[in-house]
Amino acid sequence: MPPIVCTGYELTDALRRYLEVGHGVDFDEEIATAIEEDKELRGDAYDEADEVALAPQRAMGVVWSCQQHFSRVREGAPAEDRKVLEIPYSYGKWAEDHRKVYLFVPTGAYFNEDGTSGVLKTPREKDLKAIQAFIDAANSLLPEAVRDEASLKLEDLRFEVHTPRSLLQPAYKRDERKELLPPRHLRPLFDYPE
């Protein structure tokens, strides 16, 4: 079987806004708690240099925390919506002197000939349909009062292509495994019913 590439959308900042504004998640409090724990652990040895050195790790922690919070939001969704609410995968890139982690919702998978030929520089109809279903289902879970400000919007997401090996699948709970495995974006390649 030829190598596979996964298409989808990077949504790190958009999902953080969705969770903070729409579901009341306080990531600043999570960071403050992590700082206090680090200060307590290091005691008098903790200083400003530690603050700078640990900032990238804390940023990664917030991104991974987004997965956990979104998993909880997804739990409360109707069964039909849970079918399209993929818990975002993560991937890392080196930025300056540290690794930065991003969140990614896979929407399709193709044999690598498609990925290397330039065909996948823009999303296919299948990708657009999948991400729009994800956006609609996620936004339907927002309280009406904050829907305009917190909603996920296609223009806030970035279409990307990755190899499956570069993507880190989220940790699933038992009921999530039943609903989300095998990964929805890979099912058509293996003639698995959707």
N, C-alpha and C. Protein backbone atom coordinates (compact mmCIF):
# COMPACT_ATOMS: atom_id res chain seq x y z
N MET A 1 0.85 -1.17 0.00
CA MET A 1 0.00 0.00 0.00
C MET A 1 0.90 1.24 0.00
N PRO A 2 0.61 2.20 -0.85
CA PRO A 2 1.42 3.43 -0.89
C PRO A 2 1.26 4.24 0.40
N PRO A 3 2.21 5.10 0.68
CA PRO A 3 2.11 5.95 1.88
C PRO A 3 0.86 6.83 1.82
N ILE A 4 0.41 7.20 3.00
CA ILE A 4 -0.82 7.99 3.15
C ILE A 4 -0.48 9.36 3.72
N VAL A 5 -1.24 10.38 3.30
CA VAL A 5 -1.17 11.70 3.94
C VAL A 5 -2.56 12.02 4.48
N CYS A 6 -2.59 12.76 5.57
CA CYS A 6 -3.85 13.17 6.20
C CYS A 6 -4.06 14.66 5.96
N THR A 7 -5.26 15.00 5.56
CA THR A 7 -5.62 16.41 5.40
C THR A 7 -6.49 16.81 6.58
N GLY A 8 -6.52 18.09 6.85
CA GLY A 8 -7.35 18.58 7.94
C GLY A 8 -7.07 20.04 8.23
N TYR A 9 -7.48 20.47 9.41
CA TYR A 9 -7.41 21.89 9.74
C TYR A 9 -6.76 22.10 11.10
N GLU A 10 -5.81 23.03 11.13
CA GLU A 10 -5.19 23.46 12.38
C GLU A 10 -6.15 24.45 13.02
N LEU A 11 -6.46 24.25 14.30
CA LEU A 11 -7.45 25.10 14.96
C LEU A 11 -7.07 25.46 16.39
N THR A 12 -5.80 25.50 16.70
CA THR A 12 -5.34 25.69 18.08
C THR A 12 -5.93 26.94 18.72
N ASP A 13 -5.71 28.10 18.13
CA ASP A 13 -6.19 29.36 18.72
C ASP A 13 -7.71 29.44 18.71
N ALA A 14 -8.33 28.98 17.63
CA ALA A 14 -9.79 29.02 17.54
C ALA A 14 -10.44 28.13 18.60
N LEU A 15 -9.85 26.96 18.84
CA LEU A 15 -10.41 26.05 19.85
C LEU A 15 -10.21 26.61 21.25
N ARG A 16 -9.08 27.25 21.48
CA ARG A 16 -8.86 27.86 22.79
C ARG A 16 -9.92 28.93 23.05
N ARG A 17 -10.18 29.79 22.07
CA ARG A 17 -11.21 30.82 22.22
C ARG A 17 -12.59 30.17 22.44
N TYR A 18 -12.88 29.13 21.67
CA TYR A 18 -14.15 28.40 21.78
C TYR A 18 -14.35 27.90 23.22
N LEU A 19 -13.30 27.32 23.79
CA LEU A 19 -13.40 26.76 25.14
C LEU A 19 -13.43 27.85 26.21
N GLU A 20 -12.61 28.89 26.05
CA GLU A 20 -12.56 29.97 27.05
C GLU A 20 -13.86 30.77 27.07
N VAL A 21 -14.25 31.26 25.92
CA VAL A 21 -15.42 32.14 25.85
C VAL A 21 -16.72 31.34 25.90
N GLY A 22 -16.74 30.22 25.21
CA GLY A 22 -17.98 29.46 25.08
C GLY A 22 -18.28 28.50 26.21
N HIS A 23 -17.25 27.99 26.86
CA HIS A 23 -17.47 26.97 27.90
C HIS A 23 -16.83 27.31 29.23
N GLY A 24 -16.31 28.53 29.36
CA GLY A 24 -15.81 29.02 30.64
C GLY A 24 -14.52 28.39 31.13
N VAL A 25 -13.73 27.81 30.25
CA VAL A 25 -12.45 27.24 30.66
C VAL A 25 -11.47 28.38 30.91
N ASP A 26 -10.81 28.35 32.05
CA ASP A 26 -9.88 29.43 32.42
C ASP A 26 -8.44 28.92 32.29
N PHE A 27 -7.89 29.08 31.09
CA PHE A 27 -6.52 28.61 30.86
C PHE A 27 -5.51 29.46 31.62
N ASP A 28 -5.80 30.74 31.84
CA ASP A 28 -4.88 31.58 32.63
C ASP A 28 -4.76 31.03 34.05
N GLU A 29 -5.86 30.55 34.60
CA GLU A 29 -5.82 29.95 35.93
C GLU A 29 -5.01 28.66 35.92
N GLU A 30 -5.15 27.87 34.86
CA GLU A 30 -4.36 26.64 34.75
C GLU A 30 -2.86 26.96 34.72
N ILE A 31 -2.49 28.01 33.97
CA ILE A 31 -1.08 28.41 33.90
C ILE A 31 -0.61 28.92 35.26
N ALA A 32 -1.44 29.73 35.92
CA ALA A 32 -1.08 30.25 37.24
C ALA A 32 -0.87 29.10 38.24
N THR A 33 -1.72 28.10 38.17
CA THR A 33 -1.57 26.93 39.04
C THR A 33 -0.26 26.21 38.76
N ALA A 34 0.08 26.06 37.48
CA ALA A 34 1.35 25.41 37.11
C ALA A 34 2.54 26.20 37.62
N ILE A 35 2.46 27.53 37.53
CA ILE A 35 3.55 28.38 38.03
C ILE A 35 3.71 28.21 39.53
N GLU A 36 2.60 28.22 40.26
CA GLU A 36 2.66 28.04 41.71
C GLU A 36 3.25 26.67 42.08
N GLU A 37 2.86 25.64 41.33
CA GLU A 37 3.40 24.31 41.60
C GLU A 37 4.90 24.27 41.35
N ASP A 38 5.35 24.94 40.27
CA ASP A 38 6.79 25.00 39.98
C ASP A 38 7.53 25.75 41.07
N LYS A 39 6.96 26.86 41.53
CA LYS A 39 7.60 27.64 42.60
C LYS A 39 7.71 26.82 43.88
N GLU A 40 6.65 26.10 44.19
CA GLU A 40 6.63 25.27 45.39
C GLU A 40 7.66 24.14 45.28
N LEU A 41 7.75 23.55 44.10
CA LEU A 41 8.68 22.45 43.87
C LEU A 41 10.13 22.91 43.96
N ARG A 42 10.44 24.07 43.38
CA ARG A 42 11.83 24.57 43.35
C ARG A 42 12.19 25.39 44.58
N GLY A 43 11.20 25.89 45.28
CA GLY A 43 11.46 26.67 46.49
C GLY A 43 12.23 27.94 46.19
N ASP A 44 13.24 28.23 47.00
CA ASP A 44 14.03 29.46 46.85
C ASP A 44 14.85 29.48 45.56
N ALA A 45 15.05 28.33 44.94
CA ALA A 45 15.85 28.27 43.72
C ALA A 45 15.08 28.77 42.50
N TYR A 46 13.78 28.97 42.64
CA TYR A 46 12.96 29.43 41.51
C TYR A 46 13.22 30.90 41.25
N ASP A 47 13.43 31.27 39.98
CA ASP A 47 13.64 32.68 39.64
C ASP A 47 13.05 33.00 38.27
N GLU A 48 13.28 34.20 37.80
CA GLU A 48 12.72 34.66 36.52
C GLU A 48 13.21 33.80 35.35
N ALA A 49 14.43 33.30 35.42
CA ALA A 49 14.95 32.45 34.35
C ALA A 49 14.10 31.19 34.21
N ASP A 50 13.64 30.66 35.33
CA ASP A 50 12.76 29.49 35.29
C ASP A 50 11.46 29.84 34.57
N GLU A 51 10.97 31.03 34.83
CA GLU A 51 9.73 31.50 34.21
C GLU A 51 9.84 31.47 32.69
N VAL A 52 10.94 32.00 32.19
CA VAL A 52 11.17 32.05 30.74
C VAL A 52 11.39 30.64 30.19
N ALA A 53 12.17 29.85 30.89
CA ALA A 53 12.50 28.49 30.42
C ALA A 53 11.27 27.58 30.38
N LEU A 54 10.36 27.77 31.32
CA LEU A 54 9.20 26.89 31.41
C LEU A 54 8.00 27.36 30.58
N ALA A 55 8.05 28.57 30.06
CA ALA A 55 6.92 29.11 29.30
C ALA A 55 6.52 28.22 28.11
N PRO A 56 7.47 27.73 27.29
CA PRO A 56 7.06 26.85 26.18
C PRO A 56 6.38 25.56 26.65
N GLN A 57 6.86 24.99 27.76
CA GLN A 57 6.24 23.78 28.29
C GLN A 57 4.82 24.07 28.76
N ARG A 58 4.63 25.21 29.38
CA ARG A 58 3.29 25.57 29.84
C ARG A 58 2.35 25.78 28.65
N ALA A 59 2.86 26.39 27.59
CA ALA A 59 2.05 26.59 26.39
C ALA A 59 1.63 25.24 25.80
N MET A 60 2.55 24.28 25.79
CA MET A 60 2.20 22.93 25.31
C MET A 60 1.15 22.30 26.22
N GLY A 61 1.28 22.52 27.52
CA GLY A 61 0.31 21.98 28.46
C GLY A 61 -1.09 22.52 28.22
N VAL A 62 -1.18 23.80 27.88
CA VAL A 62 -2.48 24.41 27.58
C VAL A 62 -3.08 23.76 26.33
N VAL A 63 -2.26 23.53 25.32
CA VAL A 63 -2.76 22.90 24.09
C VAL A 63 -3.29 21.51 24.39
N TRP A 64 -2.53 20.72 25.14
CA TRP A 64 -3.00 19.38 25.48
C TRP A 64 -4.22 19.43 26.39
N SER A 65 -4.30 20.44 27.22
CA SER A 65 -5.47 20.63 28.07
C SER A 65 -6.71 20.90 27.22
N CYS A 66 -6.53 21.58 26.09
CA CYS A 66 -7.65 21.83 25.18
C CYS A 66 -8.28 20.51 24.74
N GLN A 67 -7.45 19.50 24.48
CA GLN A 67 -7.98 18.19 24.08
C GLN A 67 -8.87 17.62 25.18
N GLN A 68 -8.41 17.70 26.41
CA GLN A 68 -9.19 17.15 27.53
C GLN A 68 -10.49 17.91 27.72
N HIS A 69 -10.42 19.23 27.66
CA HIS A 69 -11.64 20.03 27.82
C HIS A 69 -12.62 19.76 26.67
N PHE A 70 -12.10 19.65 25.45
CA PHE A 70 -12.99 19.39 24.32
C PHE A 70 -13.62 18.01 24.44
N SER A 71 -12.87 17.05 24.98
CA SER A 71 -13.42 15.71 25.21
C SER A 71 -14.63 15.79 26.14
N ARG A 72 -14.52 16.62 27.18
CA ARG A 72 -15.65 16.78 28.12
C ARG A 72 -16.84 17.46 27.45
N VAL A 73 -16.57 18.47 26.63
CA VAL A 73 -17.65 19.14 25.90
C VAL A 73 -18.33 18.13 24.98
N ARG A 74 -17.53 17.33 24.30
CA ARG A 74 -18.03 16.33 23.36
C ARG A 74 -18.93 15.31 24.07
N GLU A 75 -18.59 14.94 25.30
CA GLU A 75 -19.39 13.98 26.07
C GLU A 75 -20.84 14.43 26.20
N GLY A 76 -21.05 15.74 26.34
CA GLY A 76 -22.39 16.26 26.53
C GLY A 76 -23.18 16.45 25.25
N ALA A 77 -22.56 16.15 24.11
CA ALA A 77 -23.22 16.35 22.82
C ALA A 77 -24.18 15.20 22.51
N PRO A 78 -25.22 15.48 21.73
CA PRO A 78 -26.08 14.39 21.26
C PRO A 78 -25.27 13.37 20.45
N ALA A 79 -25.74 12.14 20.41
CA ALA A 79 -25.02 11.05 19.73
C ALA A 79 -24.69 11.40 18.29
N GLU A 80 -25.60 12.02 17.57
CA GLU A 80 -25.35 12.37 16.17
C GLU A 80 -24.20 13.36 16.04
N ASP A 81 -24.12 14.31 16.96
CA ASP A 81 -23.03 15.29 16.92
C ASP A 81 -21.70 14.66 17.30
N ARG A 82 -21.72 13.73 18.25
CA ARG A 82 -20.47 13.07 18.65
C ARG A 82 -19.82 12.34 17.48
N LYS A 83 -20.63 11.90 16.52
CA LYS A 83 -20.08 11.20 15.35
C LYS A 83 -19.14 12.10 14.53
N VAL A 84 -19.37 13.39 14.54
CA VAL A 84 -18.53 14.30 13.73
C VAL A 84 -17.57 15.12 14.58
N LEU A 85 -17.71 15.05 15.90
CA LEU A 85 -16.83 15.83 16.79
C LEU A 85 -15.58 15.03 17.13
N GLU A 86 -14.63 15.08 16.24
CA GLU A 86 -13.33 14.43 16.44
C GLU A 86 -12.57 15.20 17.51
N ILE A 87 -11.99 14.50 18.48
CA ILE A 87 -11.11 15.17 19.44
C ILE A 87 -9.84 15.50 18.68
N PRO A 88 -9.42 16.76 18.67
CA PRO A 88 -8.27 17.14 17.84
C PRO A 88 -7.00 16.35 18.18
N TYR A 89 -6.28 16.03 17.13
CA TYR A 89 -4.96 15.43 17.25
C TYR A 89 -3.98 16.56 17.55
N SER A 90 -2.74 16.22 17.88
CA SER A 90 -1.72 17.26 18.07
C SER A 90 -0.51 16.93 17.20
N TYR A 91 0.26 17.96 16.91
CA TYR A 91 1.53 17.79 16.22
C TYR A 91 2.46 18.90 16.67
N GLY A 92 3.73 18.68 16.54
CA GLY A 92 4.70 19.67 16.99
C GLY A 92 5.55 20.21 15.85
N LYS A 93 6.01 21.45 16.04
CA LYS A 93 6.95 22.10 15.11
C LYS A 93 7.96 22.84 15.96
N TRP A 94 9.18 22.91 15.46
CA TRP A 94 10.19 23.69 16.16
C TRP A 94 10.03 25.15 15.77
N ALA A 95 9.96 26.00 16.79
CA ALA A 95 9.86 27.45 16.59
C ALA A 95 10.94 28.09 17.44
N GLU A 96 11.86 28.74 16.80
CA GLU A 96 13.01 29.35 17.49
C GLU A 96 13.77 28.26 18.24
N ASP A 97 13.78 28.30 19.55
CA ASP A 97 14.57 27.34 20.32
C ASP A 97 13.71 26.34 21.10
N HIS A 98 12.43 26.25 20.76
CA HIS A 98 11.57 25.31 21.49
C HIS A 98 10.54 24.69 20.54
N ARG A 99 9.93 23.64 21.02
CA ARG A 99 8.91 22.95 20.25
C ARG A 99 7.55 23.57 20.57
N LYS A 100 6.77 23.81 19.54
CA LYS A 100 5.43 24.36 19.71
C LYS A 100 4.44 23.29 19.26
N VAL A 101 3.36 23.14 20.01
CA VAL A 101 2.36 22.11 19.73
C VAL A 101 1.10 22.77 19.19
N TYR A 102 0.51 22.13 18.19
CA TYR A 102 -0.71 22.63 17.55
C TYR A 102 -1.78 21.54 17.59
N LEU A 103 -3.03 21.96 17.45
CA LEU A 103 -4.15 21.02 17.38
C LEU A 103 -4.64 20.94 15.94
N PHE A 104 -5.08 19.76 15.55
CA PHE A 104 -5.41 19.47 14.16
C PHE A 104 -6.60 18.53 14.11
N VAL A 105 -7.61 18.88 13.33
CA VAL A 105 -8.76 18.00 13.11
C VAL A 105 -8.61 17.37 11.73
N PRO A 106 -8.36 16.05 11.67
CA PRO A 106 -8.23 15.39 10.37
C PRO A 106 -9.58 15.33 9.67
N THR A 107 -9.57 15.58 8.37
CA THR A 107 -10.81 15.55 7.59
C THR A 107 -10.75 14.59 6.42
N GLY A 108 -9.57 14.11 6.08
CA GLY A 108 -9.44 13.19 4.96
C GLY A 108 -8.10 12.51 4.96
N ALA A 109 -7.98 11.48 4.14
CA ALA A 109 -6.70 10.79 3.97
C ALA A 109 -6.61 10.37 2.51
N TYR A 110 -5.42 10.50 1.97
CA TYR A 110 -5.21 10.22 0.56
C TYR A 110 -3.88 9.50 0.40
N PHE A 111 -3.75 8.77 -0.70
CA PHE A 111 -2.47 8.15 -0.99
C PHE A 111 -1.48 9.24 -1.35
N ASN A 112 -0.24 9.04 -1.00
CA ASN A 112 0.79 10.08 -1.07
C ASN A 112 0.99 10.67 -2.46
N GLU A 113 0.66 9.94 -3.52
CA GLU A 113 0.80 10.54 -4.85
C GLU A 113 0.00 11.84 -4.93
N ASP A 114 -1.17 11.87 -4.28
CA ASP A 114 -1.99 13.08 -4.27
C ASP A 114 -1.30 14.20 -3.51
N GLY A 115 -0.65 13.85 -2.40
CA GLY A 115 -0.01 14.86 -1.56
C GLY A 115 1.22 15.47 -2.19
N THR A 116 1.95 14.70 -2.97
CA THR A 116 3.18 15.22 -3.54
C THR A 116 2.97 15.89 -4.89
N SER A 117 1.82 15.69 -5.49
CA SER A 117 1.60 16.27 -6.82
C SER A 117 1.08 17.70 -6.76
N GLY A 118 0.82 18.21 -5.57
CA GLY A 118 0.29 19.56 -5.45
C GLY A 118 -1.22 19.62 -5.49
N VAL A 119 -1.86 18.46 -5.69
CA VAL A 119 -3.32 18.40 -5.75
C VAL A 119 -3.94 18.85 -4.43
N LEU A 120 -3.25 18.60 -3.32
CA LEU A 120 -3.82 18.87 -2.00
C LEU A 120 -3.38 20.22 -1.43
N LYS A 121 -3.07 21.16 -2.26
CA LYS A 121 -2.71 22.50 -1.77
C LYS A 121 -3.95 23.23 -1.25
N THR A 122 -5.10 22.85 -1.75
CA THR A 122 -6.37 23.41 -1.28
C THR A 122 -7.28 22.25 -0.88
N PRO A 123 -8.21 22.49 0.03
CA PRO A 123 -9.07 21.40 0.50
C PRO A 123 -9.99 20.88 -0.60
N ARG A 124 -10.22 19.59 -0.56
CA ARG A 124 -11.20 18.98 -1.46
C ARG A 124 -12.59 19.15 -0.85
N GLU A 125 -13.58 18.88 -1.65
CA GLU A 125 -14.97 19.01 -1.18
C GLU A 125 -15.22 18.15 0.05
N LYS A 126 -14.64 16.97 0.07
CA LYS A 126 -14.78 16.05 1.22
C LYS A 126 -14.24 16.70 2.49
N ASP A 127 -13.09 17.38 2.39
CA ASP A 127 -12.50 18.05 3.55
C ASP A 127 -13.39 19.20 4.03
N LEU A 128 -13.88 19.99 3.09
CA LEU A 128 -14.75 21.12 3.46
C LEU A 128 -16.03 20.64 4.12
N LYS A 129 -16.60 19.57 3.59
CA LYS A 129 -17.83 19.01 4.16
C LYS A 129 -17.57 18.50 5.58
N ALA A 130 -16.45 17.81 5.79
CA ALA A 130 -16.14 17.26 7.11
C ALA A 130 -15.89 18.35 8.13
N ILE A 131 -15.12 19.39 7.77
CA ILE A 131 -14.83 20.45 8.75
C ILE A 131 -16.07 21.28 9.02
N GLN A 132 -16.92 21.48 8.02
CA GLN A 132 -18.14 22.25 8.26
C GLN A 132 -19.08 21.50 9.20
N ALA A 133 -19.15 20.17 9.05
CA ALA A 133 -19.97 19.37 9.97
C ALA A 133 -19.41 19.46 11.39
N PHE A 134 -18.09 19.43 11.53
CA PHE A 134 -17.44 19.58 12.83
C PHE A 134 -17.77 20.95 13.43
N ILE A 135 -17.61 22.00 12.65
CA ILE A 135 -17.88 23.37 13.11
C ILE A 135 -19.34 23.51 13.55
N ASP A 136 -20.26 23.03 12.71
CA ASP A 136 -21.69 23.16 13.02
C ASP A 136 -22.05 22.41 14.31
N ALA A 137 -21.52 21.20 14.46
CA ALA A 137 -21.82 20.41 15.67
C ALA A 137 -21.23 21.08 16.91
N ALA A 138 -19.99 21.55 16.81
CA ALA A 138 -19.34 22.20 17.97
C ALA A 138 -20.08 23.48 18.34
N ASN A 139 -20.43 24.29 17.35
CA ASN A 139 -21.10 25.56 17.64
C ASN A 139 -22.50 25.36 18.20
N SER A 140 -23.14 24.24 17.87
CA SER A 140 -24.48 23.98 18.41
C SER A 140 -24.44 23.73 19.92
N LEU A 141 -23.26 23.45 20.46
CA LEU A 141 -23.11 23.18 21.89
C LEU A 141 -22.83 24.43 22.70
N LEU A 142 -22.68 25.57 22.02
CA LEU A 142 -22.39 26.83 22.72
C LEU A 142 -23.66 27.46 23.27
N PRO A 143 -23.57 28.09 24.43
CA PRO A 143 -24.71 28.86 24.92
C PRO A 143 -25.02 30.00 23.94
N GLU A 144 -26.27 30.27 23.73
CA GLU A 144 -26.69 31.30 22.77
C GLU A 144 -26.05 32.65 23.05
N ALA A 145 -25.89 33.01 24.31
CA ALA A 145 -25.37 34.33 24.68
C ALA A 145 -23.94 34.58 24.20
N VAL A 146 -23.15 33.53 24.01
CA VAL A 146 -21.75 33.71 23.60
C VAL A 146 -21.46 33.13 22.22
N ARG A 147 -22.48 32.67 21.55
CA ARG A 147 -22.27 31.97 20.27
C ARG A 147 -21.53 32.82 19.24
N ASP A 148 -21.89 34.09 19.09
CA ASP A 148 -21.22 34.93 18.09
C ASP A 148 -19.73 35.07 18.37
N GLU A 149 -19.38 35.29 19.62
CA GLU A 149 -17.99 35.53 19.99
C GLU A 149 -17.15 34.25 20.03
N ALA A 150 -17.75 33.15 20.45
CA ALA A 150 -16.99 31.92 20.69
C ALA A 150 -16.99 30.94 19.53
N SER A 151 -17.88 31.12 18.58
CA SER A 151 -18.04 30.14 17.50
C SER A 151 -16.76 29.85 16.73
N LEU A 152 -16.62 28.60 16.35
CA LEU A 152 -15.56 28.22 15.42
C LEU A 152 -15.98 28.71 14.03
N LYS A 153 -15.04 29.26 13.30
CA LYS A 153 -15.32 29.76 11.95
C LYS A 153 -14.26 29.22 11.01
N LEU A 154 -14.67 28.83 9.82
CA LEU A 154 -13.74 28.25 8.85
C LEU A 154 -12.57 29.18 8.57
N GLU A 155 -12.82 30.48 8.51
CA GLU A 155 -11.74 31.43 8.19
C GLU A 155 -10.69 31.52 9.31
N ASP A 156 -11.01 31.01 10.51
CA ASP A 156 -10.04 31.01 11.61
C ASP A 156 -9.18 29.74 11.63
N LEU A 157 -9.47 28.81 10.74
CA LEU A 157 -8.75 27.54 10.68
C LEU A 157 -7.83 27.53 9.47
N ARG A 158 -6.79 26.70 9.53
CA ARG A 158 -5.83 26.63 8.42
C ARG A 158 -5.76 25.20 7.89
N PHE A 159 -6.01 25.04 6.58
CA PHE A 159 -5.93 23.73 5.94
C PHE A 159 -4.47 23.29 5.86
N GLU A 160 -4.22 22.03 6.23
CA GLU A 160 -2.85 21.50 6.23
C GLU A 160 -2.86 20.04 5.80
N VAL A 161 -1.69 19.55 5.41
CA VAL A 161 -1.49 18.15 5.05
C VAL A 161 -0.35 17.61 5.91
N HIS A 162 -0.56 16.45 6.54
CA HIS A 162 0.45 15.84 7.41
C HIS A 162 0.55 14.35 7.11
N THR A 163 1.67 13.77 7.48
CA THR A 163 1.77 12.31 7.44
C THR A 163 1.13 11.78 8.73
N PRO A 164 0.57 10.59 8.70
CA PRO A 164 -0.03 10.04 9.93
C PRO A 164 0.98 9.95 11.08
N ARG A 165 2.24 9.72 10.76
CA ARG A 165 3.26 9.60 11.81
C ARG A 165 3.53 10.92 12.51
N SER A 166 3.25 12.03 11.87
CA SER A 166 3.51 13.33 12.50
C SER A 166 2.39 13.75 13.44
N LEU A 167 1.26 13.05 13.38
CA LEU A 167 0.10 13.39 14.20
C LEU A 167 0.03 12.49 15.43
N LEU A 168 -0.22 13.09 16.57
CA LEU A 168 -0.36 12.34 17.81
C LEU A 168 -1.85 12.26 18.15
N GLN A 169 -2.35 11.03 18.13
CA GLN A 169 -3.76 10.80 18.42
C GLN A 169 -4.03 11.12 19.88
N PRO A 170 -5.18 11.73 20.18
CA PRO A 170 -5.49 12.01 21.59
C PRO A 170 -5.73 10.72 22.37
N ALA A 171 -5.59 10.81 23.67
CA ALA A 171 -5.92 9.67 24.54
C ALA A 171 -7.45 9.58 24.62
N TYR A 172 -7.98 8.43 24.26
CA TYR A 172 -9.42 8.25 24.26
C TYR A 172 -9.89 7.50 25.51
N LYS A 173 -11.06 7.88 25.98
CA LYS A 173 -11.73 7.09 27.01
C LYS A 173 -12.37 5.89 26.31
N ARG A 174 -12.79 4.90 27.06
CA ARG A 174 -13.33 3.68 26.48
C ARG A 174 -14.49 3.96 25.52
N ASP A 175 -15.46 4.77 25.92
CA ASP A 175 -16.60 5.04 25.04
C ASP A 175 -16.18 5.84 23.81
N GLU A 176 -15.16 6.68 23.95
CA GLU A 176 -14.67 7.43 22.79
C GLU A 176 -14.00 6.50 21.79
N ARG A 177 -13.30 5.48 22.28
CA ARG A 177 -12.66 4.52 21.37
C ARG A 177 -13.70 3.84 20.49
N LYS A 178 -14.84 3.49 21.09
CA LYS A 178 -15.90 2.84 20.31
C LYS A 178 -16.40 3.75 19.20
N GLU A 179 -16.49 5.04 19.49
CA GLU A 179 -17.03 5.99 18.51
C GLU A 179 -16.00 6.50 17.51
N LEU A 180 -14.74 6.59 17.92
CA LEU A 180 -13.74 7.28 17.10
C LEU A 180 -12.67 6.38 16.49
N LEU A 181 -12.67 5.09 16.77
CA LEU A 181 -11.68 4.19 16.17
C LEU A 181 -12.38 3.16 15.30
N PRO A 182 -11.84 2.78 14.16
CA PRO A 182 -10.65 3.38 13.57
C PRO A 182 -10.93 4.84 13.20
N PRO A 183 -9.87 5.63 13.07
CA PRO A 183 -10.06 7.06 12.79
C PRO A 183 -10.94 7.29 11.56
N ARG A 184 -11.90 8.16 11.70
CA ARG A 184 -12.89 8.43 10.66
C ARG A 184 -12.25 8.81 9.32
N HIS A 185 -11.19 9.61 9.38
CA HIS A 185 -10.57 10.07 8.13
C HIS A 185 -9.84 8.95 7.38
N LEU A 186 -9.53 7.84 8.06
CA LEU A 186 -8.85 6.72 7.40
C LEU A 186 -9.80 5.63 6.93
N ARG A 187 -11.03 5.64 7.38
CA ARG A 187 -11.97 4.56 7.08
C ARG A 187 -12.17 4.32 5.58
N PRO A 188 -12.34 5.36 4.76
CA PRO A 188 -12.55 5.10 3.33
C PRO A 188 -11.39 4.36 2.66
N LEU A 189 -10.18 4.55 3.14
CA LEU A 189 -9.02 3.88 2.54
C LEU A 189 -9.03 2.38 2.79
N PHE A 190 -9.72 1.97 3.84
CA PHE A 190 -9.74 0.55 4.21
C PHE A 190 -11.13 -0.06 4.04
N ASP A 191 -11.98 0.59 3.26
CA ASP A 191 -13.35 0.12 3.01
C ASP A 191 -14.10 -0.18 4.29
N TYR A 192 -13.86 0.63 5.31
CA TYR A 192 -14.54 0.49 6.59
C TYR A 192 -15.78 1.38 6.55
N PRO A 193 -16.96 0.87 6.94
CA PRO A 193 -18.17 1.70 6.86
C PRO A 193 -18.06 2.96 7.73
N GLU A 194 -18.57 4.07 7.21
CA GLU A 194 -18.49 5.34 7.94
C GLU A 194 -19.64 5.52 8.89
